[in-house]
Amino acid sequence: MTNLLGPEPTKLPDRPDAQAALDAGTDPAEVAAEHPDFSEAWAALGERALESGEIVAAYAYARTGYHRGLDQLRRSGWKGFGPVPWNHRPNQGFLRALAVLGKAAERIGETEEYERCRTFIADSDPAAAEATGLK
């Protein structure tokens, strides 16, 4: 049965090696260097930078994670719209990077970018907006 109202949810592939490294407490910078296409490492770097007040660094890390995630979404069949479910762990890195990008954009006065990110995450999955605080 297919969804007649829109595209099926897009789920990124599992990345067990990269995920295990992050989950074990490996510095996200090391994980990003070893797995540069792993959005969750870039999201973690962006979150850390945002928390420490390094807004420009947070923006850069988040933009990298966001773009790497977009590449993977497209390879997974995403056509630029449709659900990207938060409850699928491999999607969370992309969605977290998107949230950090929005938060950093807001803090540097990039209002249009902030709104675009906020809309994108809500359209992807309202649970992601809730979980990341980008509502």
Foldseek 3Di string as FASTA:
>chain_A
DADPVDHDAFAFDDDVVLVVCVVVPNQLVVSCVVPVLQLQSLLVQLVVCVVVVVLVSSLVSLVSSQVSLVVRSVVRPDDPADAHDPVRPSSLSNLSSLLSNLVSCVVVPVVVSNVVSLVRSVRRPVVSCVVNVSD
